[in-house]
Amino acid sequence: MVFHCTAGKDRTGFAAALILLTLGVPRDVVMHDYLLTNALYQRPPGMGSHAPEEVLAVLWRVQEEFLDAALHMVDNDFGGLQAYLVDVLGVDAAAQKELAGRYLQAV
């Protein structure tokens, strides 16, 4: 599966987190995966080189607080992950089962 956004971390990170959570990956493991961006992502040469480093850190790195805030909003404003998947994204039980069938190994 391939999906991306300009920097490949914010919308993409949230989408990846939603997919992993839908597949039953524990939230702390999802957060660890999200934070790997800071260790593995390499900013394209010349991108934002004139901005102060603290600005570049926000633009090109991920912060735990950002994903926490987004997931907190899913929980509080939409009634949790299941309600968000079904009511907002249209990913019903059948689609979730299809996703699991594609990406999880039977044990």
Protein backbone atom coordinates (compact mmCIF):
# COMPACT_ATOMS: atom_id res chain seq x y z
CA MET A 1 0.00 0.00 0.00
CA VAL A 2 1.31 3.44 -0.86
CA PHE A 3 -0.04 6.78 0.34
CA HIS A 4 1.73 10.05 0.95
CA CYS A 5 1.55 13.80 1.43
CA THR A 6 4.10 16.54 0.82
CA ALA A 7 6.41 15.80 3.74
CA GLY A 8 5.06 12.29 4.32
CA LYS A 9 4.57 12.65 8.04
CA ASP A 10 1.44 14.48 9.20
CA ARG A 11 -1.53 13.34 7.12
CA THR A 12 0.41 10.25 6.16
CA GLY A 13 1.36 9.56 9.77
CA PHE A 14 -2.25 9.93 10.88
CA ALA A 15 -3.47 7.66 8.07
CA ALA A 16 -0.84 5.05 8.92
CA ALA A 17 -1.80 5.26 12.60
CA LEU A 18 -5.47 4.74 11.74
CA ILE A 19 -4.67 1.70 9.60
CA LEU A 20 -2.45 0.17 12.27
CA LEU A 21 -5.01 0.82 15.01
CA THR A 22 -7.76 -0.67 12.83
CA LEU A 23 -5.61 -3.79 12.46
CA GLY A 24 -5.35 -4.06 16.25
CA VAL A 25 -1.82 -2.75 16.74
CA PRO A 26 -1.52 -1.37 20.29
CA ARG A 27 -1.48 2.43 20.51
CA ASP A 28 1.98 2.56 22.11
CA VAL A 29 3.41 0.53 19.22
CA VAL A 30 1.66 2.83 16.74
CA MET A 31 3.23 5.84 18.48
CA HIS A 32 6.67 4.21 18.40
CA ASP A 33 6.25 3.59 14.66
CA TYR A 34 5.16 7.21 14.12
CA LEU A 35 8.17 8.56 16.03
CA LEU A 36 10.57 6.50 13.90
CA THR A 37 10.07 9.26 11.34
CA ASN A 38 12.43 11.43 13.38
CA ALA A 39 15.20 8.86 13.16
CA LEU A 40 14.65 7.72 9.57
CA TYR A 41 13.29 10.67 7.57
CA GLN A 42 15.83 12.70 5.62
CA ARG A 43 14.77 16.20 4.65
CA PRO A 44 15.20 16.86 0.93
CA PRO A 45 18.28 18.99 0.21
CA GLY A 46 17.53 22.70 0.03
CA MET A 47 14.04 22.41 1.53
CA GLY A 48 13.56 25.26 3.99
CA SER A 49 17.25 25.83 4.49
CA HIS A 50 16.72 29.55 5.23
CA ALA A 51 14.22 29.02 8.04
CA PRO A 52 15.29 28.81 11.70
CA GLU A 53 15.96 25.26 12.91
CA GLU A 54 13.03 25.38 15.38
CA VAL A 55 10.70 26.06 12.44
CA LEU A 56 12.26 23.28 10.40
CA ALA A 57 11.81 20.89 13.33
CA VAL A 58 8.06 21.50 13.26
CA LEU A 59 7.89 21.22 9.48
CA TRP A 60 10.09 18.16 8.97
CA ARG A 61 9.84 16.19 12.21
CA VAL A 62 6.95 14.56 14.03
CA GLN A 63 5.89 15.34 17.56
CA GLU A 64 4.18 12.83 19.81
CA GLU A 65 1.80 15.57 20.93
CA PHE A 66 0.46 16.03 17.38
CA LEU A 67 -0.61 12.40 16.94
CA ASP A 68 -1.84 12.25 20.53
CA ALA A 69 -4.02 15.31 19.90
CA ALA A 70 -5.46 13.84 16.69
CA LEU A 71 -6.25 10.49 18.33
CA HIS A 72 -7.66 12.27 21.38
CA MET A 73 -10.00 14.18 19.06
CA VAL A 74 -11.08 10.92 17.41
CA ASP A 75 -11.90 9.54 20.86
CA ASN A 76 -13.63 12.63 22.27
CA ASP A 77 -15.28 14.24 19.25
CA PHE A 78 -16.28 11.14 17.31
CA GLY A 79 -16.79 8.50 20.01
CA GLY A 80 -13.67 6.45 19.40
CA LEU A 81 -11.89 4.73 16.58
CA GLN A 82 -14.76 2.45 15.51
CA ALA A 83 -17.25 5.30 15.26
CA TYR A 84 -14.72 7.43 13.38
CA LEU A 85 -13.96 4.63 10.92
CA VAL A 86 -17.61 3.90 10.21
CA ASP A 87 -19.32 7.28 10.53
CA VAL A 88 -16.63 9.61 9.20
CA LEU A 89 -14.48 7.49 6.89
CA GLY A 90 -17.12 4.98 5.75
CA VAL A 91 -14.93 2.01 6.68
CA ASP A 92 -17.55 -0.43 7.91
CA ALA A 93 -17.05 -3.86 9.50
CA ALA A 94 -16.82 -5.56 6.09
CA ALA A 95 -14.12 -3.13 4.92
CA GLN A 96 -12.24 -3.59 8.18
CA LYS A 97 -12.38 -7.36 7.74
CA GLU A 98 -11.11 -6.98 4.17
CA LEU A 99 -8.23 -4.81 5.42
CA ALA A 100 -7.31 -7.39 8.05
CA GLY A 101 -7.48 -10.17 5.45
CA ARG A 102 -5.07 -8.31 3.21
CA TYR A 103 -2.52 -7.26 5.80
CA LEU A 104 -2.60 -9.73 8.68
CA GLN A 105 -1.28 -13.27 8.66
CA ALA A 106 -3.55 -16.00 10.03
CA VAL A 107 -2.04 -17.68 13.05
